[in-house]
Amino acid sequence: MSFKLILICLSPDGDLIDCVLSHLQPAFDHPKLKGLKLLEPPLERPKGHNSSDETIHTFQLWAESNEFCPQGTVPIRRTTETDVLRASSLKRFGRKIARRVRHDTMSGGHELWVISGSFGIDLNTVEAGWQVSPELYGDGYPRFFTYWTTDAYQTTGCYNLLCSGFVQTNNRIAIGAAISPRSSYKGKQFDISIMIWKDPKHGHWWLEFGSGLLIGYWPSFLFSHLQRHASMIQFGGEIVNSRSRGYHTTTQMGSGHFANEGFGKASYFRNLKVVDWDNSLLPLTKLHLLADHPNCYDIKSGKNNVWGDYIYYGGPGRNGRCQ
């Protein structure tokens, strides 16, 4: 793929962020998108969602100076040769480990999954949140990410903009770039707000950050089951545990602390809602909690007038009770 660059930004963490003309981003390498233009933002947002045009404070290192890519371009984190060489193979670069996906699992290190399919090889998902992935990025920074697949992570889909698929429309957020500021244990807490919903008119899956900042969309033609609707929404954390040495990984989930430590110590989701068939944003009605390995990572739910439905989750990985 070839890009026409307008500007290159050097992030404090060493990342290079290229400002690429919107119509030359990787998504438009897809045969069904070649020659097309970016879609206009959907006219109808989910009912019950308070969107605004207020200034979005930066939450990524590369944009701390409040300088963004020009209008008509999108920021793309540059992939280096070193990034590719860290992957198990060129074919698997930018992709999750192919595995069987359980219907009732929350493990599997991400935030939000929108799912449809039989949970066999026809599983469709769109995903977004934050992740730490030394293999993908070469460091331990939490980073904003997206993902999609139409065949349970076998051959389709990828992280961020590493293949044709997700179409970015925003010039202020670089998918895959480091998040800043970050929460600290017993210190100040920061969170990000994400919403994914299906445009009822055209059927595409849109991703929104904060209170109205559209990041882009997954075209409906990418999918089979998700062309129609989602059958499940999952919120949670995920780590890679290959047990390569015969015991559980020490990889932390969330803050690395268990859910019962609560605010300021454990990681959390708050204001959990779903968009229903009528394009209305509604509180959860059937929240099922599951921790695959509760001695390694656990989860705790609650509800109040400020946070609505919320969960605390996470853990340290291998410890005296988790081998």
Protein backbone atom coordinates (compact mmCIF):
# COMPACT_ATOMS: atom_id res chain seq x y z
CA MET A 1 0.00 0.00 0.00
CA SER A 2 1.22 3.55 -0.65
CA PHE A 3 0.36 6.73 1.21
CA LYS A 4 0.58 10.38 0.22
CA LEU A 5 1.82 12.12 3.35
CA ILE A 6 0.90 15.67 4.28
CA LEU A 7 2.73 15.86 7.61
CA ILE A 8 4.74 13.67 9.96
CA CYS A 9 4.49 14.08 13.75
CA LEU A 10 7.05 12.68 16.21
CA SER A 11 5.39 11.49 19.42
CA PRO A 12 7.24 11.79 22.77
CA ASP A 13 7.19 7.99 23.02
CA GLY A 14 9.06 7.63 19.72
CA ASP A 15 6.07 6.83 17.49
CA LEU A 16 5.86 8.48 14.10
CA ILE A 17 2.35 9.63 13.21
CA ASP A 18 1.74 10.17 9.51
CA CYS A 19 -1.04 12.47 8.35
CA VAL A 20 -2.43 10.62 5.31
CA LEU A 21 -5.02 11.89 2.86
CA SER A 22 -8.30 10.34 3.97
CA HIS A 23 -9.04 8.61 0.67
CA LEU A 24 -5.58 7.01 0.63
CA GLN A 25 -5.82 5.29 4.02
CA PRO A 26 -5.53 1.46 4.09
CA ALA A 27 -9.31 0.92 4.15
CA PHE A 28 -9.59 2.08 0.54
CA ASP A 29 -7.36 -0.76 -0.63
CA HIS A 30 -10.44 -2.95 -0.18
CA PRO A 31 -11.99 -3.84 -3.55
CA LYS A 32 -15.43 -2.68 -2.42
CA LEU A 33 -14.10 0.72 -1.28
CA LYS A 34 -11.76 1.59 -4.15
CA GLY A 35 -12.74 4.91 -5.69
CA LEU A 36 -15.32 5.71 -3.02
CA LYS A 37 -15.36 8.67 -0.63
CA LEU A 38 -15.73 8.83 3.13
CA LEU A 39 -19.29 8.52 4.33
CA GLU A 40 -20.95 11.52 5.86
CA PRO A 41 -21.60 11.19 9.61
CA PRO A 42 -24.93 9.48 10.36
CA LEU A 43 -27.72 11.96 10.91
CA GLU A 44 -29.30 9.93 13.69
CA ARG A 45 -27.37 9.11 16.86
CA PRO A 46 -28.78 6.67 19.42
CA LYS A 47 -31.67 8.15 21.38
CA GLY A 48 -30.72 8.83 24.99
CA HIS A 49 -27.09 9.63 24.11
CA ASN A 50 -25.92 13.14 24.93
CA SER A 51 -23.59 14.13 22.11
CA SER A 52 -22.04 17.57 21.80
CA ASP A 53 -19.52 19.50 19.73
CA GLU A 54 -17.55 20.50 22.79
CA THR A 55 -13.77 20.61 22.55
CA ILE A 56 -12.32 17.14 23.09
CA HIS A 57 -9.30 17.27 25.35
CA THR A 58 -6.41 15.30 23.93
CA PHE A 59 -5.84 11.86 25.44
CA GLN A 60 -2.88 10.71 23.35
CA LEU A 61 0.84 11.43 23.69
CA TRP A 62 1.39 12.45 20.06
CA ALA A 63 -1.19 15.25 20.36
CA GLU A 64 -0.23 16.68 23.76
CA SER A 65 0.78 19.96 22.11
CA ASN A 66 -2.79 20.21 20.71
CA GLU A 67 -1.50 20.01 17.16
CA PHE A 68 -3.46 17.59 15.02
CA CYS A 69 -3.48 16.40 11.45
CA PRO A 70 -4.98 18.81 8.90
CA GLN A 71 -8.59 18.48 7.82
CA GLY A 72 -8.92 15.97 4.99
CA THR A 73 -6.25 13.69 6.46
CA VAL A 74 -6.19 10.98 9.12
CA PRO A 75 -3.38 10.26 11.61
CA ILE A 76 -1.83 6.79 11.19
CA ARG A 77 0.82 5.32 13.47
CA ARG A 78 3.72 4.31 11.26
CA THR A 79 4.51 0.59 11.23
CA THR A 80 8.25 -0.08 11.40
CA GLU A 81 10.30 -3.06 10.32
CA THR A 82 10.95 -3.77 14.01
CA ASP A 83 7.18 -3.95 14.63
CA VAL A 84 6.76 -6.56 11.92
CA LEU A 85 9.74 -8.63 13.04
CA ARG A 86 8.23 -9.04 16.53
CA ALA A 87 5.29 -10.96 15.06
CA SER A 88 5.32 -14.75 14.90
CA SER A 89 4.98 -14.46 11.11
CA LEU A 90 4.26 -11.82 8.49
CA LYS A 91 0.86 -13.43 7.92
CA ARG A 92 -0.08 -13.06 11.61
CA PHE A 93 1.23 -9.49 12.04
CA GLY A 94 -1.50 -7.21 13.40
CA ARG A 95 -3.82 -10.11 14.12
CA LYS A 96 -4.96 -11.89 17.24
CA ILE A 97 -4.05 -15.47 17.93
CA ALA A 98 -6.57 -17.70 16.17
CA ARG A 99 -8.52 -19.68 18.74
CA ARG A 100 -11.91 -21.13 19.51
CA VAL A 101 -14.12 -18.46 21.09
CA ARG A 102 -16.39 -19.51 23.92
CA HIS A 103 -19.90 -18.12 24.13
CA ASP A 104 -19.61 -17.48 27.87
CA THR A 105 -16.05 -16.17 28.15
CA MET A 106 -14.71 -12.78 29.10
CA SER A 107 -11.08 -13.83 28.87
CA GLY A 108 -9.45 -14.36 25.90
CA GLY A 109 -7.01 -7.99 26.88
CA HIS A 110 -9.51 -5.60 25.65
CA GLU A 111 -12.53 -3.53 26.47
CA LEU A 112 -15.64 -3.76 24.30
CA TRP A 113 -16.74 -6.53 21.95
CA VAL A 114 -19.82 -6.40 19.69
CA ILE A 115 -20.50 -9.98 18.61
CA SER A 116 -22.69 -12.01 16.30
CA GLY A 117 -22.51 -15.54 14.93
CA SER A 118 -22.53 -19.09 16.20
CA PHE A 119 -19.23 -18.78 18.11
CA GLY A 120 -17.70 -21.16 15.62
CA ILE A 121 -15.59 -20.14 12.64
CA ASP A 122 -18.31 -17.74 11.47
CA LEU A 123 -17.95 -15.45 14.51
CA ASN A 124 -18.20 -11.73 13.67
CA THR A 125 -16.86 -9.08 16.06
CA VAL A 126 -16.03 -5.39 16.18
CA GLU A 127 -13.92 -4.34 19.16
CA ALA A 128 -12.50 -1.17 20.70
CA GLY A 129 -10.85 -0.01 23.90
CA TRP A 130 -7.34 0.19 25.31
CA GLN A 131 -4.64 -2.44 25.33
CA VAL A 132 -1.03 -3.04 26.33
CA SER A 133 0.77 -5.19 23.77
CA PRO A 134 4.59 -5.31 23.73
CA GLU A 135 4.43 -7.72 20.78
CA LEU A 136 2.40 -5.36 18.62
CA TYR A 137 3.87 -2.00 19.71
CA GLY A 138 7.20 -2.81 21.35
CA ASP A 139 6.48 -1.15 24.70
CA GLY A 140 4.23 -1.19 27.76
CA TYR A 141 2.13 1.91 27.02
CA PRO A 142 -1.66 1.59 27.11
CA ARG A 143 -2.91 2.31 23.63
CA PHE A 144 -6.26 3.00 21.98
CA PHE A 145 -7.18 0.18 19.58
CA THR A 146 -9.82 -1.26 17.28
CA TYR A 147 -10.25 -4.78 15.91
CA TRP A 148 -12.61 -6.75 13.69
CA THR A 149 -13.02 -10.27 12.35
CA THR A 150 -15.61 -12.23 10.38
CA ASP A 151 -14.24 -15.73 10.92
CA ALA A 152 -13.24 -16.01 14.59
CA TYR A 153 -9.78 -14.51 14.05
CA GLN A 154 -8.75 -17.09 11.44
CA THR A 155 -7.87 -15.11 8.31
CA THR A 156 -9.93 -11.89 8.34
CA GLY A 157 -9.58 -8.63 10.21
CA CYS A 158 -6.80 -6.91 12.09
CA TYR A 159 -5.90 -4.38 14.74
CA ASN A 160 -6.31 -0.68 14.03
CA LEU A 161 -5.57 0.28 10.41
CA LEU A 162 -3.17 -2.57 9.69
CA CYS A 163 -5.38 -3.94 6.92
CA SER A 164 -8.24 -2.70 4.77
CA GLY A 165 -11.47 -2.64 6.78
CA PHE A 166 -12.08 0.06 9.38
CA VAL A 167 -12.54 3.49 7.76
CA GLN A 168 -11.21 6.40 9.83
CA THR A 169 -12.92 9.78 9.48
CA ASN A 170 -11.23 11.66 12.33
CA ASN A 171 -8.07 13.83 12.10
CA ARG A 172 -7.44 14.11 15.87
CA ILE A 173 -7.13 10.50 17.11
CA ALA A 174 -4.47 8.04 15.99
CA ILE A 175 -5.66 4.47 16.45
CA GLY A 176 -2.84 2.49 18.05
CA ALA A 177 -1.21 5.56 19.63
CA ALA A 178 -0.37 5.76 23.33
CA ILE A 179 -2.92 7.10 25.81
CA SER A 180 -1.99 9.97 28.14
CA PRO A 181 -2.54 10.84 30.94
CA ARG A 182 -2.83 7.45 32.61
CA SER A 183 -4.40 6.40 35.91
CA SER A 184 -2.12 5.59 38.82
CA TYR A 185 -2.62 3.22 41.75
CA LYS A 186 -4.13 5.19 44.68
CA GLY A 187 -3.76 8.30 42.51
CA LYS A 188 -5.80 10.23 39.98
CA GLN A 189 -8.03 8.14 37.75
CA PHE A 190 -8.66 8.74 34.05
CA ASP A 191 -11.08 6.95 31.75
CA ILE A 192 -12.19 7.10 28.14
CA SER A 193 -15.74 6.94 26.82
CA ILE A 194 -16.52 4.73 23.82
CA MET A 195 -19.73 3.94 21.97
CA ILE A 196 -20.26 1.55 19.06
CA TRP A 197 -23.59 1.47 17.28
CA LYS A 198 -25.15 0.42 14.00
CA ASP A 199 -26.41 3.23 11.78
CA PRO A 200 -30.06 2.24 11.19
CA LYS A 201 -30.13 3.84 7.72
CA HIS A 202 -27.04 2.31 6.06
CA GLY A 203 -26.14 -0.47 8.47
CA HIS A 204 -22.51 0.47 9.10
CA TRP A 205 -20.99 0.13 12.58
CA TRP A 206 -19.79 3.53 13.86
CA LEU A 207 -17.24 4.19 16.60
CA GLU A 208 -17.53 7.30 18.76
CA PHE A 209 -15.17 8.69 21.39
CA GLY A 210 -16.26 11.00 24.20
CA SER A 211 -19.45 12.99 23.70
CA GLY A 212 -19.78 13.09 19.96
CA LEU A 213 -16.35 12.70 18.35
CA LEU A 214 -16.76 10.17 15.54
CA ILE A 215 -13.62 8.14 14.86
CA GLY A 216 -14.86 6.13 11.89
CA TYR A 217 -16.83 3.06 10.86
CA TRP A 218 -16.69 -0.61 9.94
CA PRO A 219 -18.57 -0.98 6.59
CA SER A 220 -21.40 -3.47 6.87
CA PHE A 221 -20.24 -5.43 3.81
CA LEU A 222 -17.24 -6.69 5.80
CA PHE A 223 -19.53 -8.95 7.81
CA SER A 224 -22.03 -11.76 7.51
CA HIS A 225 -24.00 -11.89 10.79
CA LEU A 226 -23.17 -8.31 11.83
CA GLN A 227 -24.74 -7.05 8.62
CA ARG A 228 -28.02 -7.63 10.42
CA HIS A 229 -27.47 -7.18 14.16
CA ALA A 230 -25.34 -8.15 17.13
CA SER A 231 -26.35 -11.02 19.38
CA MET A 232 -24.10 -10.19 22.35
CA ILE A 233 -22.11 -7.33 23.86
CA GLN A 234 -19.10 -8.14 26.06
CA PHE A 235 -17.22 -5.76 28.34
CA GLY A 236 -14.04 -6.94 29.98
CA GLY A 237 -10.34 -7.65 29.99
CA GLU A 238 -8.22 -10.11 28.06
CA ILE A 239 -4.65 -11.39 28.32
CA VAL A 240 -2.59 -13.86 26.33
CA ASN A 241 -1.82 -16.97 28.41
CA SER A 242 0.01 -19.56 26.34
CA ARG A 243 1.31 -21.44 29.41
CA SER A 244 4.51 -21.90 27.39
CA ARG A 245 6.46 -22.92 30.51
CA GLY A 246 3.71 -24.99 32.04
CA TYR A 247 2.28 -22.37 34.36
CA HIS A 248 0.11 -19.27 34.19
CA THR A 249 1.52 -16.02 32.85
CA THR A 250 2.44 -13.11 35.17
CA THR A 251 0.78 -10.73 32.72
CA GLN A 252 -1.45 -8.31 34.62
CA MET A 253 -5.00 -7.44 33.62
CA GLY A 254 -6.17 -3.87 34.10
CA SER A 255 -4.20 -2.27 36.95
CA GLY A 256 -2.92 -5.63 38.11
CA HIS A 257 -5.16 -5.53 41.20
CA PHE A 258 -8.28 -7.51 42.02
CA ALA A 259 -11.77 -6.10 41.66
CA ASN A 260 -12.56 -5.94 45.38
CA GLU A 261 -9.91 -3.22 45.90
CA GLY A 262 -12.35 -0.80 44.23
CA PHE A 263 -11.89 2.75 42.99
CA GLY A 264 -8.39 4.10 42.66
CA LYS A 265 -6.88 0.64 42.72
CA ALA A 266 -8.79 -1.70 40.40
CA SER A 267 -9.68 -1.07 36.76
CA TYR A 268 -13.31 -0.37 35.94
CA PHE A 269 -16.03 0.15 33.37
CA ARG A 270 -18.85 2.54 34.19
CA ASN A 271 -22.12 3.69 32.62
CA LEU A 272 -22.53 0.41 30.75
CA LYS A 273 -25.40 0.58 28.25
CA VAL A 274 -26.55 -1.06 25.03
CA VAL A 275 -28.17 0.29 21.86
CA ASP A 276 -31.31 -1.70 21.07
CA TRP A 277 -33.15 -2.46 17.81
CA ASP A 278 -34.94 0.93 18.04
CA ASN A 279 -31.59 2.81 18.15
CA SER A 280 -32.17 3.71 21.80
CA LEU A 281 -29.36 3.70 24.36
CA LEU A 282 -30.62 1.74 27.35
CA PRO A 283 -29.33 0.43 30.71
CA LEU A 284 -28.27 -3.19 30.87
CA THR A 285 -30.91 -5.78 31.71
CA LYS A 286 -29.02 -9.09 31.62
CA LEU A 287 -25.48 -8.69 32.93
CA HIS A 288 -23.73 -12.02 33.38
CA LEU A 289 -20.38 -12.03 35.17
CA LEU A 290 -17.67 -14.55 34.42
CA ALA A 291 -14.02 -14.86 35.36
CA ASP A 292 -12.30 -17.80 33.67
CA HIS A 293 -9.55 -17.94 36.32
CA PRO A 294 -10.81 -16.02 39.39
CA ASN A 295 -7.63 -16.67 41.37
CA CYS A 296 -5.70 -14.87 38.63
CA TYR A 297 -8.21 -12.19 37.60
CA ASP A 298 -11.70 -11.46 38.89
CA ILE A 299 -14.70 -9.20 38.37
CA LYS A 300 -17.31 -7.45 40.54
CA SER A 301 -20.41 -5.53 39.45
CA GLY A 302 -22.47 -2.73 40.98
CA LYS A 303 -24.93 0.03 40.21
CA ASN A 304 -25.47 3.57 41.49
CA ASN A 305 -26.95 6.90 40.38
CA VAL A 306 -23.65 8.34 39.19
CA TRP A 307 -21.96 5.42 37.43
CA GLY A 308 -25.08 3.49 36.45
CA ASP A 309 -24.12 -0.13 35.81
CA TYR A 310 -20.41 -0.66 36.43
CA ILE A 311 -17.82 -3.37 36.94
CA TYR A 312 -14.41 -3.57 38.56
CA TYR A 313 -12.09 -6.17 37.07
CA GLY A 314 -8.50 -7.34 36.79
CA GLY A 315 -5.73 -9.05 38.70
CA PRO A 316 -2.01 -9.82 38.86
CA GLY A 317 -1.87 -13.08 36.92
CA ARG A 318 0.30 -15.78 38.41
CA ASN A 319 0.44 -15.61 42.21
CA GLY A 320 0.28 -17.96 45.19
CA ARG A 321 -3.31 -18.96 44.33
CA CYS A 322 -2.90 -18.82 40.55
CA GLN A 323 -0.46 -21.26 39.05
